[in-house]
Amino acid sequence: MKAWICLPLIALALAGCAGKSAYRDSCGSQLDAAWHELDIAKAEGFAGTVSYSKALSLLTGAKTQQQFEAYEGCTSKAEKARFYIRESRAGR
């Protein structure tokens, strides 16, 4: 009887863990790429643009979400940051 009660609880717990890790790799790789691109933009002299500032703000938020295991939001913010970095390098 206990097995019938515990089995669904274990399955539910494992499903919850799997859901949290769905975007984990994407979050990490997007953040790494974005920080690298941000460093390049800074070295090229685009650190003063509005787009650069938006990207930096988004990356800070994405890193915070990564630390709280909100990987989907982290991935979304990192992708937006990469867009603003490209805009910054294009002079917009």
PDB file of N, CA and C in Angstrom:
ATOM      1  N   MET A   1       0.819  -1.188   0.000  1.00  0.00           N
ATOM      2  CA  MET A   1       0.000   0.000   0.000  1.00  0.00           C
ATOM      3  C   MET A   1       0.870   1.262   0.000  1.00  0.00           C
ATOM      4  N   LYS A   2       1.922   1.262   0.808  1.00  0.00           N
ATOM      5  CA  LYS A   2       2.793   2.436   0.862  1.00  0.00           C
ATOM      6  C   LYS A   2       3.470   2.686  -0.488  1.00  0.00           C
ATOM      7  N   ALA A   3       3.799   1.610  -1.193  1.00  0.00           N
ATOM      8  CA  ALA A   3       4.451   1.754  -2.492  1.00  0.00           C
ATOM      9  C   ALA A   3       3.545   2.492  -3.472  1.00  0.00           C
ATOM     10  N   TRP A   4       2.238   2.237  -3.416  1.00  0.00           N
ATOM     11  CA  TRP A   4       1.304   2.906  -4.315  1.00  0.00           C
ATOM     12  C   TRP A   4       1.184   4.397  -4.000  1.00  0.00           C
ATOM     13  N   ILE A   5       1.440   4.753  -2.768  1.00  0.00           N
ATOM     14  CA  ILE A   5       1.378   6.167  -2.379  1.00  0.00           C
ATOM     15  C   ILE A   5       2.698   6.861  -2.699  1.00  0.00           C
ATOM     16  N   CYS A   6       3.806   6.185  -2.435  1.00  0.00           N
ATOM     17  CA  CYS A   6       5.131   6.792  -2.627  1.00  0.00           C
ATOM     18  C   CYS A   6       5.522   6.903  -4.093  1.00  0.00           C
ATOM     19  N   LEU A   7       5.118   5.934  -4.903  1.00  0.00           N
ATOM     20  CA  LEU A   7       5.521   5.920  -6.302  1.00  0.00           C
ATOM     21  C   LEU A   7       5.069   7.180  -7.061  1.00  0.00           C
ATOM     22  N   PRO A   8       3.812   7.595  -6.955  1.00  0.00           N
ATOM     23  CA  PRO A   8       3.424   8.835  -7.653  1.00  0.00           C
ATOM     24  C   PRO A   8       4.145  10.073  -7.109  1.00  0.00           C
ATOM     25  N   LEU A   9       4.409  10.103  -5.809  1.00  0.00           N
ATOM     26  CA  LEU A   9       5.123  11.248  -5.235  1.00  0.00           C
ATOM     27  C   LEU A   9       6.548  11.327  -5.756  1.00  0.00           C
ATOM     28  N   ILE A  10       7.210  10.198  -5.879  1.00  0.00           N
ATOM     29  CA  ILE A  10       8.576  10.164  -6.415  1.00  0.00           C
ATOM     30  C   ILE A  10       8.566  10.592  -7.880  1.00  0.00           C
ATOM     31  N   ALA A  11       7.598  10.078  -8.644  1.00  0.00           N
ATOM     32  CA  ALA A  11       7.504  10.450 -10.060  1.00  0.00           C
ATOM     33  C   ALA A  11       7.258  11.946 -10.215  1.00  0.00           C
ATOM     34  N   LEU A  12       6.410  12.501  -9.377  1.00  0.00           N
ATOM     35  CA  LEU A  12       6.132  13.934  -9.424  1.00  0.00           C
ATOM     36  C   LEU A  12       7.374  14.757  -9.082  1.00  0.00           C
ATOM     37  N   ALA A  13       8.117  14.320  -8.091  1.00  0.00           N
ATOM     38  CA  ALA A  13       9.341  15.031  -7.707  1.00  0.00           C
ATOM     39  C   ALA A  13      10.368  14.993  -8.825  1.00  0.00           C
ATOM     40  N   LEU A  14      10.526  13.849  -9.460  1.00  0.00           N
ATOM     41  CA  LEU A  14      11.484  13.733 -10.560  1.00  0.00           C
ATOM     42  C   LEU A  14      11.056  14.567 -11.762  1.00  0.00           C
ATOM     43  N   ALA A  15       9.774  14.619 -12.032  1.00  0.00           N
ATOM     44  CA  ALA A  15       9.280  15.436 -13.140  1.00  0.00           C
ATOM     45  C   ALA A  15       9.544  16.912 -12.859  1.00  0.00           C
ATOM     46  N   GLY A  16       9.394  17.332 -11.618  1.00  0.00           N
ATOM     47  CA  GLY A  16       9.679  18.723 -11.260  1.00  0.00           C
ATOM     48  C   GLY A  16      11.133  19.073 -11.454  1.00  0.00           C
ATOM     49  N   CYS A  17      12.009  18.166 -11.097  1.00  0.00           N
ATOM     50  CA  CYS A  17      13.450  18.397 -11.288  1.00  0.00           C
ATOM     51  C   CYS A  17      13.797  18.457 -12.762  1.00  0.00           C
ATOM     52  N   ALA A  18      13.190  17.602 -13.552  1.00  0.00           N
ATOM     53  CA  ALA A  18      13.470  17.584 -14.988  1.00  0.00           C
ATOM     54  C   ALA A  18      12.996  18.872 -15.643  1.00  0.00           C
ATOM     55  N   GLY A  19      11.875  19.398 -15.194  1.00  0.00           N
ATOM     56  CA  GLY A  19      11.364  20.638 -15.752  1.00  0.00           C
ATOM     57  C   GLY A  19      12.271  21.820 -15.482  1.00  0.00           C
ATOM     58  N   LYS A  20      12.899  21.858 -14.324  1.00  0.00           N
ATOM     59  CA  LYS A  20      13.795  22.960 -13.982  1.00  0.00           C
ATOM     60  C   LYS A  20      15.072  22.926 -14.804  1.00  0.00           C
ATOM     61  N   SER A  21      15.504  21.749 -15.195  1.00  0.00           N
ATOM     62  CA  SER A  21      16.777  21.649 -15.898  1.00  0.00           C
ATOM     63  C   SER A  21      16.618  21.737 -17.410  1.00  0.00           C
ATOM     64  N   ALA A  22      15.389  21.934 -17.887  1.00  0.00           N
ATOM     65  CA  ALA A  22      15.156  21.964 -19.331  1.00  0.00           C
ATOM     66  C   ALA A  22      15.948  23.082 -20.011  1.00  0.00           C
ATOM     67  N   TYR A  23      16.036  24.227 -19.402  1.00  0.00           N
ATOM     68  CA  TYR A  23      16.729  25.371 -20.001  1.00  0.00           C
ATOM     69  C   TYR A  23      18.107  25.619 -19.382  1.00  0.00           C
ATOM     70  N   ARG A  24      18.549  24.747 -18.502  1.00  0.00           N
ATOM     71  CA  ARG A  24      19.806  24.980 -17.779  1.00  0.00           C
ATOM     72  C   ARG A  24      20.992  25.142 -18.730  1.00  0.00           C
ATOM     73  N   ASP A  25      21.150  24.207 -19.660  1.00  0.00           N
ATOM     74  CA  ASP A  25      22.289  24.276 -20.586  1.00  0.00           C
ATOM     75  C   ASP A  25      22.194  25.491 -21.506  1.00  0.00           C
ATOM     76  N   SER A  26      20.984  25.762 -21.980  1.00  0.00           N
ATOM     77  CA  SER A  26      20.787  26.905 -22.856  1.00  0.00           C
ATOM     78  C   SER A  26      21.106  28.208 -22.134  1.00  0.00           C
ATOM     79  N   CYS A  27      20.666  28.301 -20.891  1.00  0.00           N
ATOM     80  CA  CYS A  27      20.935  29.494 -20.091  1.00  0.00           C
ATOM     81  C   CYS A  27      22.443  29.713 -19.956  1.00  0.00           C
ATOM     82  N   GLY A  28      23.146  28.669 -19.581  1.00  0.00           N
ATOM     83  CA  GLY A  28      24.591  28.781 -19.383  1.00  0.00           C
ATOM     84  C   GLY A  28      25.323  29.161 -20.653  1.00  0.00           C
ATOM     85  N   SER A  29      24.984  28.511 -21.764  1.00  0.00           N
ATOM     86  CA  SER A  29      25.693  28.796 -23.009  1.00  0.00           C
ATOM     87  C   SER A  29      25.350  30.193 -23.541  1.00  0.00           C
ATOM     88  N   GLN A  30      24.084  30.603 -23.412  1.00  0.00           N
ATOM     89  CA  GLN A  30      23.703  31.944 -23.854  1.00  0.00           C
ATOM     90  C   GLN A  30      24.402  33.019 -23.017  1.00  0.00           C
ATOM     91  N   LEU A  31      24.475  32.794 -21.704  1.00  0.00           N
ATOM     92  CA  LEU A  31      25.156  33.765 -20.840  1.00  0.00           C
ATOM     93  C   LEU A  31      26.639  33.865 -21.169  1.00  0.00           C
ATOM     94  N   ASP A  32      27.284  32.724 -21.345  1.00  0.00           N
ATOM     95  CA  ASP A  32      28.712  32.737 -21.684  1.00  0.00           C
ATOM     96  C   ASP A  32      28.965  33.494 -22.985  1.00  0.00           C
ATOM     97  N   ALA A  33      28.159  33.186 -24.003  1.00  0.00           N
ATOM     98  CA  ALA A  33      28.333  33.854 -25.298  1.00  0.00           C
ATOM     99  C   ALA A  33      28.064  35.354 -25.177  1.00  0.00           C
ATOM    100  N   ALA A  34      27.024  35.715 -24.438  1.00  0.00           N
ATOM    101  CA  ALA A  34      26.676  37.131 -24.304  1.00  0.00           C
ATOM    102  C   ALA A  34      27.757  37.912 -23.566  1.00  0.00           C
ATOM    103  N   TRP A  35      28.285  37.358 -22.483  1.00  0.00           N
ATOM    104  CA  TRP A  35      29.352  38.060 -21.756  1.00  0.00           C
ATOM    105  C   TRP A  35      30.585  38.226 -22.639  1.00  0.00           C
ATOM    106  N   HIS A  36      30.893  37.195 -23.432  1.00  0.00           N
ATOM    107  CA  HIS A  36      32.036  37.278 -24.340  1.00  0.00           C
ATOM    108  C   HIS A  36      31.806  38.382 -25.377  1.00  0.00           C
ATOM    109  N   GLU A  37      30.618  38.412 -25.975  1.00  0.00           N
ATOM    110  CA  GLU A  37      30.296  39.441 -26.962  1.00  0.00           C
ATOM    111  C   GLU A  37      30.294  40.836 -26.334  1.00  0.00           C
ATOM    112  N   LEU A  38      29.843  40.928 -25.081  1.00  0.00           N
ATOM    113  CA  LEU A  38      29.835  42.208 -24.384  1.00  0.00           C
ATOM    114  C   LEU A  38      31.260  42.710 -24.155  1.00  0.00           C
ATOM    115  N   ASP A  39      32.162  41.804 -23.806  1.00  0.00           N
ATOM    116  CA  ASP A  39      33.571  42.177 -23.638  1.00  0.00           C
ATOM    117  C   ASP A  39      34.168  42.694 -24.947  1.00  0.00           C
ATOM    118  N   ILE A  40      33.826  42.037 -26.048  1.00  0.00           N
ATOM    119  CA  ILE A  40      34.325  42.469 -27.358  1.00  0.00           C
ATOM    120  C   ILE A  40      33.777  43.850 -27.696  1.00  0.00           C
ATOM    121  N   ALA A  41      32.489  44.064 -27.441  1.00  0.00           N
ATOM    122  CA  ALA A  41      31.884  45.370 -27.721  1.00  0.00           C
ATOM    123  C   ALA A  41      32.546  46.456 -26.880  1.00  0.00           C
ATOM    124  N   LYS A  42      32.861  46.137 -25.629  1.00  0.00           N
ATOM    125  CA  LYS A  42      33.529  47.116 -24.767  1.00  0.00           C
ATOM    126  C   LYS A  42      34.925  47.437 -25.298  1.00  0.00           C
ATOM    127  N   ALA A  43      35.637  46.401 -25.732  1.00  0.00           N
ATOM    128  CA  ALA A  43      36.986  46.607 -26.262  1.00  0.00           C
ATOM    129  C   ALA A  43      36.960  47.422 -27.550  1.00  0.00           C
ATOM    130  N   GLU A  44      35.884  47.306 -28.311  1.00  0.00           N
ATOM    131  CA  GLU A  44      35.772  48.056 -29.560  1.00  0.00           C
ATOM    132  C   GLU A  44      35.279  49.483 -29.348  1.00  0.00           C
ATOM    133  N   GLY A  45      34.935  49.823 -28.096  1.00  0.00           N
ATOM    134  CA  GLY A  45      34.544  51.187 -27.789  1.00  0.00           C
ATOM    135  C   GLY A  45      33.053  51.458 -27.825  1.00  0.00           C
ATOM    136  N   PHE A  46      32.251  50.425 -27.750  1.00  0.00           N
ATOM    137  CA  PHE A  46      30.804  50.619 -27.789  1.00  0.00           C
ATOM    138  C   PHE A  46      30.177  50.621 -26.403  1.00  0.00           C
ATOM    139  N   ALA A  47      30.985  50.754 -25.361  1.00  0.00           N
ATOM    140  CA  ALA A  47      30.479  50.669 -23.991  1.00  0.00           C
ATOM    141  C   ALA A  47      29.599  51.852 -23.604  1.00  0.00           C
ATOM    142  N   GLY A  48      29.630  52.924 -24.353  1.00  0.00           N
ATOM    143  CA  GLY A  48      28.845  54.089 -23.989  1.00  0.00           C
ATOM    144  C   GLY A  48      27.469  54.149 -24.612  1.00  0.00           C
ATOM    145  N   THR A  49      27.124  53.194 -25.446  1.00  0.00           N
ATOM    146  CA  THR A  49      25.842  53.272 -26.147  1.00  0.00           C
ATOM    147  C   THR A  49      24.691  52.798 -25.264  1.00  0.00           C
ATOM    148  N   VAL A  50      23.498  53.233 -25.627  1.00  0.00           N
ATOM    149  CA  VAL A  50      22.293  52.846 -24.894  1.00  0.00           C
ATOM    150  C   VAL A  50      22.065  51.338 -25.021  1.00  0.00           C
ATOM    151  N   SER A  51      22.286  50.789 -26.204  1.00  0.00           N
ATOM    152  CA  SER A  51      22.085  49.353 -26.411  1.00  0.00           C
ATOM    153  C   SER A  51      23.022  48.529 -25.536  1.00  0.00           C
ATOM    154  N   TYR A  52      24.251  49.000 -25.373  1.00  0.00           N
ATOM    155  CA  TYR A  52      25.211  48.316 -24.509  1.00  0.00           C
ATOM    156  C   TYR A  52      24.699  48.307 -23.069  1.00  0.00           C
ATOM    157  N   SER A  53      24.171  49.433 -22.623  1.00  0.00           N
ATOM    158  CA  SER A  53      23.654  49.525 -21.254  1.00  0.00           C
ATOM    159  C   SER A  53      22.452  48.608 -21.050  1.00  0.00           C
ATOM    160  N   LYS A  54      21.575  48.535 -22.045  1.00  0.00           N
ATOM    161  CA  LYS A  54      20.427  47.623 -21.962  1.00  0.00           C
ATOM    162  C   LYS A  54      20.898  46.182 -21.874  1.00  0.00           C
ATOM    163  N   ALA A  55      21.898  45.843 -22.694  1.00  0.00           N
ATOM    164  CA  ALA A  55      22.428  44.478 -22.693  1.00  0.00           C
ATOM    165  C   ALA A  55      23.038  44.138 -21.340  1.00  0.00           C
ATOM    166  N   LEU A  56      23.784  45.055 -20.776  1.00  0.00           N
ATOM    167  CA  LEU A  56      24.407  44.823 -19.476  1.00  0.00           C
ATOM    168  C   LEU A  56      23.343  44.607 -18.397  1.00  0.00           C
ATOM    169  N   SER A  57      22.300  45.403 -18.438  1.00  0.00           N
ATOM    170  CA  SER A  57      21.212  45.260 -17.482  1.00  0.00           C
ATOM    171  C   SER A  57      20.512  43.910 -17.635  1.00  0.00           C
ATOM    172  N   LEU A  58      20.247  43.506 -18.868  1.00  0.00           N
ATOM    173  CA  LEU A  58      19.606  42.215 -19.111  1.00  0.00           C
ATOM    174  C   LEU A  58      20.483  41.054 -18.657  1.00  0.00           C
ATOM    175  N   LEU A  59      21.782  41.158 -18.885  1.00  0.00           N
ATOM    176  CA  LEU A  59      22.692  40.083 -18.465  1.00  0.00           C
ATOM    177  C   LEU A  59      22.765  39.968 -16.948  1.00  0.00           C
ATOM    178  N   THR A  60      22.704  41.099 -16.281  1.00  0.00           N
ATOM    179  CA  THR A  60      22.685  41.066 -14.813  1.00  0.00           C
ATOM    180  C   THR A  60      21.430  40.354 -14.314  1.00  0.00           C
ATOM    181  N   GLY A  61      20.300  40.672 -14.921  1.00  0.00           N
ATOM    182  CA  GLY A  61      19.046  40.008 -14.566  1.00  0.00           C
ATOM    183  C   GLY A  61      19.074  38.528 -14.897  1.00  0.00           C
ATOM    184  N   ALA A  62      19.658  38.182 -16.039  1.00  0.00           N
ATOM    185  CA  ALA A  62      19.743  36.776 -16.448  1.00  0.00           C
ATOM    186  C   ALA A  62      20.608  35.982 -15.471  1.00  0.00           C
ATOM    187  N   LYS A  63      21.703  36.574 -15.037  1.00  0.00           N
ATOM    188  CA  LYS A  63      22.578  35.900 -14.077  1.00  0.00           C
ATOM    189  C   LYS A  63      21.850  35.672 -12.750  1.00  0.00           C
ATOM    190  N   THR A  64      21.073  36.647 -12.335  1.00  0.00           N
ATOM    191  CA  THR A  64      20.293  36.502 -11.106  1.00  0.00           C
ATOM    192  C   THR A  64      19.284  35.374 -11.257  1.00  0.00           C
ATOM    193  N   GLN A  65      18.609  35.322 -12.397  1.00  0.00           N
ATOM    194  CA  GLN A  65      17.644  34.245 -12.623  1.00  0.00           C
ATOM    195  C   GLN A  65      18.326  32.889 -12.670  1.00  0.00           C
ATOM    196  N   GLN A  66      19.524  32.834 -13.213  1.00  0.00           N
ATOM    197  CA  GLN A  66      20.265  31.572 -13.246  1.00  0.00           C
ATOM    198  C   GLN A  66      20.548  31.095 -11.824  1.00  0.00           C
ATOM    199  N   GLN A  67      20.910  32.014 -10.956  1.00  0.00           N
ATOM    200  CA  GLN A  67      21.226  31.640  -9.580  1.00  0.00           C
ATOM    201  C   GLN A  67      19.993  31.149  -8.830  1.00  0.00           C
ATOM    202  N   PHE A  68      18.804  31.628  -9.216  1.00  0.00           N
ATOM    203  CA  PHE A  68      17.568  31.190  -8.579  1.00  0.00           C
ATOM    204  C   PHE A  68      16.887  30.068  -9.369  1.00  0.00           C
ATOM    205  N   GLU A  69      17.612  29.495 -10.325  1.00  0.00           N
ATOM    206  CA  GLU A  69      17.157  28.372 -11.138  1.00  0.00           C
ATOM    207  C   GLU A  69      15.920  28.693 -11.968  1.00  0.00           C
ATOM    208  N   ALA A  70      15.789  29.923 -12.395  1.00  0.00           N
ATOM    209  CA  ALA A  70      14.726  30.323 -13.314  1.00  0.00           C
ATOM    210  C   ALA A  70      15.342  30.335 -14.712  1.00  0.00           C
ATOM    211  N   TYR A  71      15.623  29.140 -15.226  1.00  0.00           N
ATOM    212  CA  TYR A  71      16.429  29.007 -16.435  1.00  0.00           C
ATOM    213  C   TYR A  71      15.739  29.516 -17.698  1.00  0.00           C
ATOM    214  N   GLU A  72      14.427  29.383 -17.777  1.00  0.00           N
ATOM    215  CA  GLU A  72      13.722  29.851 -18.976  1.00  0.00           C
ATOM    216  C   GLU A  72      13.824  31.369 -19.105  1.00  0.00           C
ATOM    217  N   GLY A  73      13.612  32.086 -18.013  1.00  0.00           N
ATOM    218  CA  GLY A  73      13.747  33.535 -18.024  1.00  0.00           C
ATOM    219  C   GLY A  73      15.185  33.971 -18.281  1.00  0.00           C
ATOM    220  N   CYS A  74      16.114  33.216 -17.730  1.00  0.00           N
ATOM    221  CA  CYS A  74      17.541  33.489 -17.944  1.00  0.00           C
ATOM    222  C   CYS A  74      17.881  33.400 -19.428  1.00  0.00           C
ATOM    223  N   THR A  75      17.408  32.338 -20.071  1.00  0.00           N
ATOM    224  CA  THR A  75      17.673  32.146 -21.500  1.00  0.00           C
ATOM    225  C   THR A  75      17.070  33.285 -22.314  1.00  0.00           C
ATOM    226  N   SER A  76      15.853  33.660 -21.984  1.00  0.00           N
ATOM    227  CA  SER A  76      15.181  34.738 -22.704  1.00  0.00           C
ATOM    228  C   SER A  76      15.929  36.060 -22.560  1.00  0.00           C
ATOM    229  N   LYS A  77      16.337  36.396 -21.352  1.00  0.00           N
ATOM    230  CA  LYS A  77      17.064  37.647 -21.118  1.00  0.00           C
ATOM    231  C   LYS A  77      18.425  37.638 -21.809  1.00  0.00           C
ATOM    232  N   ALA A  78      19.113  36.509 -21.785  1.00  0.00           N
ATOM    233  CA  ALA A  78      20.427  36.423 -22.430  1.00  0.00           C
ATOM    234  C   ALA A  78      20.294  36.578 -23.946  1.00  0.00           C
ATOM    235  N   GLU A  79      19.246  36.014 -24.523  1.00  0.00           N
ATOM    236  CA  GLU A  79      19.033  36.169 -25.962  1.00  0.00           C
ATOM    237  C   GLU A  79      18.736  37.622 -26.315  1.00  0.00           C
ATOM    238  N   LYS A  80      17.917  38.298 -25.502  1.00  0.00           N
ATOM    239  CA  LYS A  80      17.637  39.719 -25.724  1.00  0.00           C
ATOM    240  C   LYS A  80      18.906  40.551 -25.576  1.00  0.00           C
ATOM    241  N   ALA A  81      19.727  40.199 -24.598  1.00  0.00           N
ATOM    242  CA  ALA A  81      20.984  40.923 -24.386  1.00  0.00           C
ATOM    243  C   ALA A  81      21.889  40.792 -25.603  1.00  0.00           C
ATOM    244  N   ARG A  82      21.951  39.602 -26.175  1.00  0.00           N
ATOM    245  CA  ARG A  82      22.786  39.396 -27.364  1.00  0.00           C
ATOM    246  C   ARG A  82      22.276  40.249 -28.528  1.00  0.00           C
ATOM    247  N   PHE A  83      20.956  40.410 -28.628  1.00  0.00           N
ATOM    248  CA  PHE A  83      20.386  41.284 -29.657  1.00  0.00           C
ATOM    249  C   PHE A  83      20.875  42.721 -29.453  1.00  0.00           C
ATOM    250  N   TYR A  84      20.798  43.217 -28.215  1.00  0.00           N
ATOM    251  CA  TYR A  84      21.223  44.590 -27.935  1.00  0.00           C
ATOM    252  C   TYR A  84      22.732  44.769 -28.118  1.00  0.00           C
ATOM    253  N   ILE A  85      23.494  43.725 -27.876  1.00  0.00           N
ATOM    254  CA  ILE A  85      24.942  43.813 -28.123  1.00  0.00           C
ATOM    255  C   ILE A  85      25.197  43.969 -29.616  1.00  0.00           C
ATOM    256  N   ARG A  86      24.474  43.202 -30.428  1.00  0.00           N
ATOM    257  CA  ARG A  86      24.620  43.352 -31.889  1.00  0.00           C
ATOM    258  C   ARG A  86      24.208  44.757 -32.328  1.00  0.00           C
ATOM    259  N   GLU A  87      23.138  45.280 -31.730  1.00  0.00           N
ATOM    260  CA  GLU A  87      22.695  46.636 -32.060  1.00  0.00           C
ATOM    261  C   GLU A  87      23.757  47.658 -31.663  1.00  0.00           C
ATOM    262  N   SER A  88      24.362  47.449 -30.515  1.00  0.00           N
ATOM    263  CA  SER A  88      25.401  48.356 -30.046  1.00  0.00           C
ATOM    264  C   SER A  88      26.597  48.361 -31.003  1.00  0.00           C
ATOM    265  N   ARG A  89      26.988  47.193 -31.425  1.00  0.00           N
ATOM    266  CA  ARG A  89      28.136  47.103 -32.337  1.00  0.00           C
ATOM    267  C   ARG A  89      27.815  47.676 -33.704  1.00  0.00           C
ATOM    268  N   ALA A  90      26.523  47.685 -34.055  1.00  0.00           N
ATOM    269  CA  ALA A  90      26.110  48.260 -35.330  1.00  0.00           C
ATOM    270  C   ALA A  90      25.931  49.776 -35.233  1.00  0.00           C
ATOM    271  N   GLY A  91      26.088  50.314 -34.033  1.00  0.00           N
ATOM    272  CA  GLY A  91      25.995  51.756 -33.838  1.00  0.00           C
ATOM    273  C   GLY A  91      24.581  52.260 -33.616  1.00  0.00           C
ATOM    274  N   ARG A  92      23.680  51.374 -33.225  1.00  0.00           N
ATOM    275  CA  ARG A  92      22.291  51.791 -32.977  1.00  0.00           C
ATOM    276  C   ARG A  92      21.984  51.784 -31.522  1.00  0.00           C
TER     277      ARG A  92
END
